[in-house]
Amino acid sequence: MNAEALLKSHGLRKTAGRLAVLALFSKEGKALSHSELQDGVTENVDRVTLYRILESFEQKGILHKVPDDQVSVKYALCDHEHEVGEAHSDNHAHFKCRVCGDTVCLDDSEIPQIQVPKGYVVEGSLLLISGLCAKCA
């Protein structure tokens, strides 16, 4: 699905900033932090506008947050097999290269069910695997 159709299907207006963010995710093919997006977006999108774009994309199920072993948050495009507007289910692992720092979704790997103590309620789980990616190995 192209970027314009993706925005329309999620009830979002087509803006230069939104299109630029989607283009960068498509080009990079990996999870990106706010600062990487700020540096990579060619349109004149200020920091606050970029946060708003990311927030709206996350709420609409276009992007999801990716765990990172640093303080920063990264975002990745969602697998669009889920229904439009359906909340993202992050039931897959993520891989972060310790050399280049690239983080990618491992969509074909499911996070195993973990038994928690009685009285605990699991609301979500994140799995970050680190190592060397194919280009750095």
N, C-alpha and C. Protein backbone atom coordinates (compact mmCIF):
# COMPACT_ATOMS: atom_id res chain seq x y z
N MET A 1 0.85 -1.17 0.00
CA MET A 1 0.00 0.00 0.00
C MET A 1 0.90 1.24 0.00
N ASN A 2 0.58 2.19 -0.84
CA ASN A 2 1.40 3.40 -0.87
C ASN A 2 1.04 4.32 0.30
N ALA A 3 1.88 5.29 0.55
CA ALA A 3 1.75 6.15 1.73
C ALA A 3 0.42 6.92 1.74
N GLU A 4 0.03 7.46 0.59
CA GLU A 4 -1.22 8.23 0.54
C GLU A 4 -2.42 7.35 0.86
N ALA A 5 -2.45 6.15 0.30
CA ALA A 5 -3.55 5.22 0.57
C ALA A 5 -3.54 4.77 2.03
N LEU A 6 -2.36 4.59 2.59
CA LEU A 6 -2.23 4.18 3.99
C LEU A 6 -2.82 5.26 4.90
N LEU A 7 -2.46 6.51 4.65
CA LEU A 7 -3.01 7.61 5.46
C LEU A 7 -4.53 7.69 5.32
N LYS A 8 -5.01 7.59 4.10
CA LYS A 8 -6.45 7.67 3.85
C LYS A 8 -7.19 6.53 4.55
N SER A 9 -6.64 5.31 4.49
CA SER A 9 -7.31 4.16 5.10
C SER A 9 -7.36 4.26 6.62
N HIS A 10 -6.48 5.07 7.20
CA HIS A 10 -6.47 5.26 8.65
C HIS A 10 -7.11 6.59 9.07
N GLY A 11 -7.75 7.26 8.12
CA GLY A 11 -8.48 8.49 8.43
C GLY A 11 -7.58 9.68 8.73
N LEU A 12 -6.38 9.69 8.17
CA LEU A 12 -5.44 10.80 8.39
C LEU A 12 -5.29 11.62 7.12
N ARG A 13 -5.19 12.93 7.31
CA ARG A 13 -4.96 13.82 6.16
C ARG A 13 -3.56 13.61 5.61
N LYS A 14 -3.45 13.81 4.31
CA LYS A 14 -2.15 13.72 3.65
C LYS A 14 -1.43 15.05 3.85
N THR A 15 -0.30 15.02 4.59
CA THR A 15 0.53 16.22 4.75
C THR A 15 1.94 15.87 4.31
N ALA A 16 2.70 16.89 3.98
CA ALA A 16 4.08 16.67 3.55
C ALA A 16 4.89 15.98 4.65
N GLY A 17 4.67 16.38 5.90
CA GLY A 17 5.39 15.79 7.02
C GLY A 17 5.08 14.31 7.19
N ARG A 18 3.80 13.96 7.16
CA ARG A 18 3.41 12.55 7.30
C ARG A 18 3.96 11.71 6.16
N LEU A 19 3.87 12.23 4.95
CA LEU A 19 4.40 11.49 3.80
C LEU A 19 5.91 11.32 3.90
N ALA A 20 6.61 12.34 4.38
CA ALA A 20 8.06 12.27 4.52
C ALA A 20 8.46 11.23 5.57
N VAL A 21 7.72 11.17 6.67
CA VAL A 21 8.02 10.18 7.72
C VAL A 21 7.81 8.77 7.18
N LEU A 22 6.70 8.53 6.50
CA LEU A 22 6.45 7.20 5.93
C LEU A 22 7.49 6.84 4.88
N ALA A 23 7.89 7.81 4.07
CA ALA A 23 8.91 7.55 3.05
C ALA A 23 10.23 7.15 3.68
N LEU A 24 10.60 7.80 4.78
CA LEU A 24 11.85 7.47 5.45
C LEU A 24 11.80 6.06 6.05
N PHE A 25 10.68 5.69 6.67
CA PHE A 25 10.55 4.32 7.19
C PHE A 25 10.65 3.30 6.07
N SER A 26 9.99 3.57 4.94
CA SER A 26 10.06 2.65 3.81
C SER A 26 11.47 2.54 3.26
N LYS A 27 12.15 3.65 3.17
CA LYS A 27 13.52 3.67 2.66
C LYS A 27 14.48 2.93 3.58
N GLU A 28 14.39 3.18 4.88
CA GLU A 28 15.34 2.62 5.85
C GLU A 28 15.06 1.15 6.16
N GLY A 29 13.79 0.76 6.24
CA GLY A 29 13.45 -0.62 6.52
C GLY A 29 13.85 -1.11 7.90
N LYS A 30 13.89 -0.21 8.87
CA LYS A 30 14.27 -0.57 10.24
C LYS A 30 13.58 0.40 11.19
N ALA A 31 13.68 0.09 12.49
CA ALA A 31 13.13 0.99 13.51
C ALA A 31 13.98 2.25 13.58
N LEU A 32 13.34 3.38 13.81
CA LEU A 32 14.03 4.66 13.85
C LEU A 32 13.67 5.43 15.11
N SER A 33 14.64 6.11 15.68
CA SER A 33 14.40 6.96 16.85
C SER A 33 13.91 8.33 16.37
N HIS A 34 13.41 9.12 17.32
CA HIS A 34 12.96 10.47 17.00
C HIS A 34 14.10 11.28 16.37
N SER A 35 15.29 11.18 16.93
CA SER A 35 16.42 11.96 16.40
C SER A 35 16.82 11.48 15.01
N GLU A 36 16.75 10.17 14.75
CA GLU A 36 17.05 9.66 13.41
C GLU A 36 16.01 10.16 12.41
N LEU A 37 14.76 10.20 12.84
CA LEU A 37 13.72 10.73 11.97
C LEU A 37 13.92 12.21 11.72
N GLN A 38 14.24 12.96 12.78
CA GLN A 38 14.46 14.40 12.64
C GLN A 38 15.59 14.67 11.65
N ASP A 39 16.66 13.88 11.73
CA ASP A 39 17.79 14.06 10.83
C ASP A 39 17.49 13.61 9.41
N GLY A 40 16.62 12.60 9.26
CA GLY A 40 16.40 11.99 7.95
C GLY A 40 15.24 12.54 7.16
N VAL A 41 14.29 13.20 7.81
CA VAL A 41 13.13 13.74 7.11
C VAL A 41 13.55 14.98 6.34
N THR A 42 13.28 14.97 5.04
CA THR A 42 13.71 16.08 4.19
C THR A 42 12.77 17.28 4.26
N GLU A 43 11.53 17.06 4.66
CA GLU A 43 10.58 18.16 4.79
C GLU A 43 10.93 18.98 6.03
N ASN A 44 10.46 20.20 6.07
CA ASN A 44 10.69 21.07 7.22
C ASN A 44 9.67 20.72 8.31
N VAL A 45 10.01 19.71 9.12
CA VAL A 45 9.13 19.24 10.20
C VAL A 45 9.85 19.51 11.51
N ASP A 46 9.24 20.35 12.36
CA ASP A 46 9.89 20.64 13.64
C ASP A 46 9.72 19.47 14.62
N ARG A 47 10.44 19.55 15.71
CA ARG A 47 10.49 18.47 16.71
C ARG A 47 9.11 18.13 17.26
N VAL A 48 8.32 19.14 17.59
CA VAL A 48 6.99 18.92 18.17
C VAL A 48 6.05 18.29 17.14
N THR A 49 6.09 18.79 15.91
CA THR A 49 5.25 18.22 14.86
C THR A 49 5.60 16.76 14.63
N LEU A 50 6.89 16.44 14.65
CA LEU A 50 7.30 15.05 14.47
C LEU A 50 6.76 14.18 15.59
N TYR A 51 6.81 14.65 16.83
CA TYR A 51 6.22 13.89 17.95
C TYR A 51 4.73 13.67 17.72
N ARG A 52 4.03 14.68 17.23
CA ARG A 52 2.59 14.55 16.97
C ARG A 52 2.32 13.54 15.86
N ILE A 53 3.15 13.56 14.83
CA ILE A 53 3.00 12.59 13.73
C ILE A 53 3.19 11.18 14.27
N LEU A 54 4.25 10.98 15.05
CA LEU A 54 4.53 9.65 15.61
C LEU A 54 3.40 9.19 16.53
N GLU A 55 2.90 10.10 17.35
CA GLU A 55 1.80 9.76 18.26
C GLU A 55 0.54 9.36 17.49
N SER A 56 0.21 10.12 16.46
CA SER A 56 -0.99 9.80 15.68
C SER A 56 -0.81 8.49 14.92
N PHE A 57 0.38 8.24 14.39
CA PHE A 57 0.65 6.98 13.69
C PHE A 57 0.56 5.80 14.65
N GLU A 58 1.05 5.99 15.87
CA GLU A 58 0.97 4.90 16.85
C GLU A 58 -0.48 4.65 17.26
N GLN A 59 -1.25 5.70 17.48
CA GLN A 59 -2.66 5.55 17.87
C GLN A 59 -3.47 4.87 16.77
N LYS A 60 -3.13 5.13 15.52
CA LYS A 60 -3.87 4.56 14.39
C LYS A 60 -3.36 3.17 14.00
N GLY A 61 -2.29 2.71 14.62
CA GLY A 61 -1.78 1.38 14.31
C GLY A 61 -0.88 1.33 13.09
N ILE A 62 -0.33 2.48 12.70
CA ILE A 62 0.61 2.52 11.57
C ILE A 62 2.02 2.21 12.04
N LEU A 63 2.38 2.69 13.22
CA LEU A 63 3.69 2.45 13.83
C LEU A 63 3.50 1.80 15.19
N HIS A 64 4.56 1.17 15.67
CA HIS A 64 4.57 0.70 17.05
C HIS A 64 5.92 1.03 17.67
N LYS A 65 5.91 1.18 18.99
CA LYS A 65 7.15 1.45 19.72
C LYS A 65 7.96 0.16 19.80
N VAL A 66 9.26 0.32 19.72
CA VAL A 66 10.19 -0.81 19.75
C VAL A 66 11.07 -0.65 20.98
N PRO A 67 11.26 -1.73 21.74
CA PRO A 67 12.15 -1.63 22.90
C PRO A 67 13.57 -1.32 22.47
N ASP A 68 14.28 -0.60 23.31
CA ASP A 68 15.67 -0.27 23.03
C ASP A 68 16.45 -0.40 24.33
N ASP A 69 17.70 -0.77 24.23
CA ASP A 69 18.49 -0.93 25.45
C ASP A 69 19.06 0.39 25.93
N GLN A 70 18.74 1.45 25.24
CA GLN A 70 19.13 2.80 25.64
C GLN A 70 17.89 3.51 26.17
N VAL A 71 18.01 4.75 26.52
CA VAL A 71 16.89 5.51 27.06
C VAL A 71 15.89 5.88 25.96
N SER A 72 16.35 6.00 24.73
CA SER A 72 15.49 6.47 23.65
C SER A 72 14.47 5.41 23.23
N VAL A 73 13.43 5.88 22.57
CA VAL A 73 12.39 5.02 22.02
C VAL A 73 12.59 4.99 20.52
N LYS A 74 12.36 3.83 19.92
CA LYS A 74 12.37 3.73 18.47
C LYS A 74 10.98 3.33 18.02
N TYR A 75 10.70 3.57 16.75
CA TYR A 75 9.42 3.24 16.16
C TYR A 75 9.66 2.41 14.92
N ALA A 76 8.72 1.51 14.61
CA ALA A 76 8.80 0.70 13.40
C ALA A 76 7.42 0.65 12.76
N LEU A 77 7.39 0.49 11.45
CA LEU A 77 6.12 0.34 10.75
C LEU A 77 5.47 -0.95 11.20
N CYS A 78 4.16 -0.92 11.39
CA CYS A 78 3.41 -2.12 11.77
C CYS A 78 3.21 -3.00 10.55
N ASP A 79 3.08 -4.28 10.82
CA ASP A 79 2.67 -5.23 9.80
C ASP A 79 1.20 -4.94 9.54
N HIS A 80 0.84 -4.60 8.33
CA HIS A 80 -0.51 -4.12 8.06
C HIS A 80 -1.51 -5.24 7.81
N GLU A 81 -1.24 -6.43 8.34
CA GLU A 81 -2.21 -7.51 8.23
C GLU A 81 -3.32 -7.37 9.26
N HIS A 82 -3.12 -6.50 10.28
CA HIS A 82 -4.19 -6.30 11.26
C HIS A 82 -5.18 -5.28 10.73
N GLU A 83 -6.34 -5.27 11.33
CA GLU A 83 -7.41 -4.38 10.90
C GLU A 83 -7.04 -2.92 11.16
N VAL A 84 -7.49 -2.04 10.28
CA VAL A 84 -7.25 -0.62 10.43
C VAL A 84 -7.85 -0.15 11.75
N GLY A 85 -7.06 0.58 12.54
CA GLY A 85 -7.52 1.09 13.81
C GLY A 85 -7.38 0.11 14.96
N GLU A 86 -7.09 -1.15 14.65
CA GLU A 86 -6.90 -2.16 15.70
C GLU A 86 -5.58 -1.89 16.41
N ALA A 87 -5.57 -2.02 17.72
CA ALA A 87 -4.35 -1.78 18.49
C ALA A 87 -3.27 -2.76 18.07
N HIS A 88 -2.04 -2.28 18.04
CA HIS A 88 -0.91 -3.12 17.66
C HIS A 88 -0.65 -4.14 18.75
N SER A 89 -0.49 -5.39 18.33
CA SER A 89 -0.12 -6.45 19.27
C SER A 89 1.34 -6.76 19.04
N ASP A 90 2.17 -6.40 19.99
CA ASP A 90 3.62 -6.55 19.83
C ASP A 90 4.05 -7.91 20.34
N ASN A 91 3.66 -8.95 19.61
CA ASN A 91 3.96 -10.30 20.05
C ASN A 91 5.15 -10.90 19.30
N HIS A 92 6.04 -10.03 18.83
CA HIS A 92 7.24 -10.50 18.14
C HIS A 92 8.48 -9.89 18.79
N ALA A 93 9.61 -10.53 18.52
CA ALA A 93 10.88 -10.04 19.07
C ALA A 93 11.46 -8.95 18.17
N HIS A 94 12.43 -8.23 18.71
CA HIS A 94 13.17 -7.21 17.96
C HIS A 94 14.65 -7.53 18.09
N PHE A 95 15.41 -7.23 17.04
CA PHE A 95 16.84 -7.49 17.03
C PHE A 95 17.58 -6.18 16.87
N LYS A 96 18.58 -5.93 17.75
CA LYS A 96 19.39 -4.72 17.66
C LYS A 96 20.84 -5.11 17.46
N CYS A 97 21.45 -4.57 16.41
CA CYS A 97 22.87 -4.83 16.13
C CYS A 97 23.72 -3.99 17.08
N ARG A 98 24.66 -4.63 17.75
CA ARG A 98 25.51 -3.92 18.71
C ARG A 98 26.59 -3.09 18.03
N VAL A 99 26.80 -3.27 16.72
CA VAL A 99 27.80 -2.48 16.00
C VAL A 99 27.17 -1.24 15.36
N CYS A 100 26.20 -1.45 14.47
CA CYS A 100 25.60 -0.31 13.76
C CYS A 100 24.39 0.29 14.47
N GLY A 101 23.81 -0.44 15.42
CA GLY A 101 22.67 0.07 16.17
C GLY A 101 21.33 -0.10 15.49
N ASP A 102 21.30 -0.69 14.28
CA ASP A 102 20.02 -0.91 13.60
C ASP A 102 19.14 -1.85 14.41
N THR A 103 17.86 -1.54 14.47
CA THR A 103 16.88 -2.38 15.16
C THR A 103 15.80 -2.76 14.17
N VAL A 104 15.49 -4.06 14.08
CA VAL A 104 14.47 -4.54 13.15
C VAL A 104 13.49 -5.45 13.89
N CYS A 105 12.28 -5.52 13.35
CA CYS A 105 11.27 -6.43 13.89
C CYS A 105 11.54 -7.83 13.36
N LEU A 106 11.42 -8.82 14.21
CA LEU A 106 11.51 -10.22 13.82
C LEU A 106 10.08 -10.75 13.82
N ASP A 107 9.35 -10.41 12.75
CA ASP A 107 7.92 -10.68 12.69
C ASP A 107 7.58 -12.17 12.75
N ASP A 108 8.50 -13.03 12.34
CA ASP A 108 8.23 -14.46 12.33
C ASP A 108 8.53 -15.14 13.66
N SER A 109 8.94 -14.38 14.65
CA SER A 109 9.25 -14.97 15.97
C SER A 109 8.25 -14.46 16.99
N GLU A 110 7.64 -15.37 17.72
CA GLU A 110 6.68 -14.98 18.75
C GLU A 110 7.36 -15.01 20.11
N ILE A 111 6.95 -14.11 20.97
CA ILE A 111 7.46 -14.10 22.33
C ILE A 111 6.74 -15.21 23.10
N PRO A 112 7.49 -16.10 23.75
CA PRO A 112 6.84 -17.20 24.47
C PRO A 112 6.04 -16.70 25.68
N GLN A 113 5.02 -17.46 26.03
CA GLN A 113 4.21 -17.15 27.21
C GLN A 113 5.05 -17.40 28.46
N ILE A 114 5.17 -16.42 29.31
CA ILE A 114 5.96 -16.54 30.54
C ILE A 114 5.00 -16.65 31.72
N GLN A 115 5.26 -17.62 32.58
CA GLN A 115 4.45 -17.80 33.79
C GLN A 115 4.87 -16.76 34.82
N VAL A 116 3.93 -16.00 35.33
CA VAL A 116 4.22 -14.98 36.34
C VAL A 116 3.59 -15.40 37.67
N PRO A 117 4.08 -14.86 38.78
CA PRO A 117 3.53 -15.22 40.09
C PRO A 117 2.04 -14.92 40.20
N LYS A 118 1.37 -15.69 41.03
CA LYS A 118 -0.06 -15.51 41.27
C LYS A 118 -0.32 -14.07 41.72
N GLY A 119 -1.36 -13.47 41.17
CA GLY A 119 -1.72 -12.10 41.52
C GLY A 119 -1.14 -11.06 40.57
N TYR A 120 -0.17 -11.45 39.75
CA TYR A 120 0.41 -10.54 38.77
C TYR A 120 -0.46 -10.56 37.52
N VAL A 121 -0.56 -9.43 36.85
CA VAL A 121 -1.32 -9.33 35.61
C VAL A 121 -0.39 -8.83 34.52
N VAL A 122 -0.16 -9.65 33.51
CA VAL A 122 0.69 -9.26 32.38
C VAL A 122 -0.11 -8.37 31.45
N GLU A 123 0.43 -7.20 31.14
CA GLU A 123 -0.23 -6.28 30.22
C GLU A 123 0.50 -6.17 28.89
N GLY A 124 1.67 -6.75 28.82
CA GLY A 124 2.44 -6.72 27.59
C GLY A 124 3.82 -7.27 27.85
N SER A 125 4.52 -7.56 26.78
CA SER A 125 5.90 -8.04 26.93
C SER A 125 6.73 -7.53 25.76
N LEU A 126 7.99 -7.32 26.02
CA LEU A 126 8.93 -6.84 25.00
C LEU A 126 10.14 -7.75 25.03
N LEU A 127 10.65 -8.08 23.85
CA LEU A 127 11.84 -8.91 23.77
C LEU A 127 12.81 -8.26 22.80
N LEU A 128 13.98 -7.90 23.30
CA LEU A 128 15.03 -7.29 22.48
C LEU A 128 16.22 -8.23 22.47
N ILE A 129 16.57 -8.70 21.29
CA ILE A 129 17.72 -9.58 21.10
C ILE A 129 18.84 -8.73 20.53
N SER A 130 20.04 -8.88 21.07
CA SER A 130 21.17 -8.10 20.54
C SER A 130 22.21 -9.04 19.97
N GLY A 131 22.98 -8.52 19.04
CA GLY A 131 24.02 -9.29 18.38
C GLY A 131 24.52 -8.53 17.17
N LEU A 132 24.94 -9.26 16.16
CA LEU A 132 25.45 -8.65 14.93
C LEU A 132 24.47 -8.90 13.79
N CYS A 133 24.12 -7.85 13.07
CA CYS A 133 23.25 -8.00 11.90
C CYS A 133 24.07 -8.59 10.75
N ALA A 134 23.40 -8.93 9.66
CA ALA A 134 24.06 -9.56 8.53
C ALA A 134 25.16 -8.69 7.93
N LYS A 135 24.97 -7.37 7.88
CA LYS A 135 25.98 -6.51 7.27
C LYS A 135 27.19 -6.27 8.17
N CYS A 136 27.02 -6.47 9.50
CA CYS A 136 28.13 -6.23 10.44
C CYS A 136 28.83 -7.53 10.87
N ALA A 137 28.22 -8.67 10.61
CA ALA A 137 28.79 -9.95 11.05
C ALA A 137 30.04 -10.31 10.27
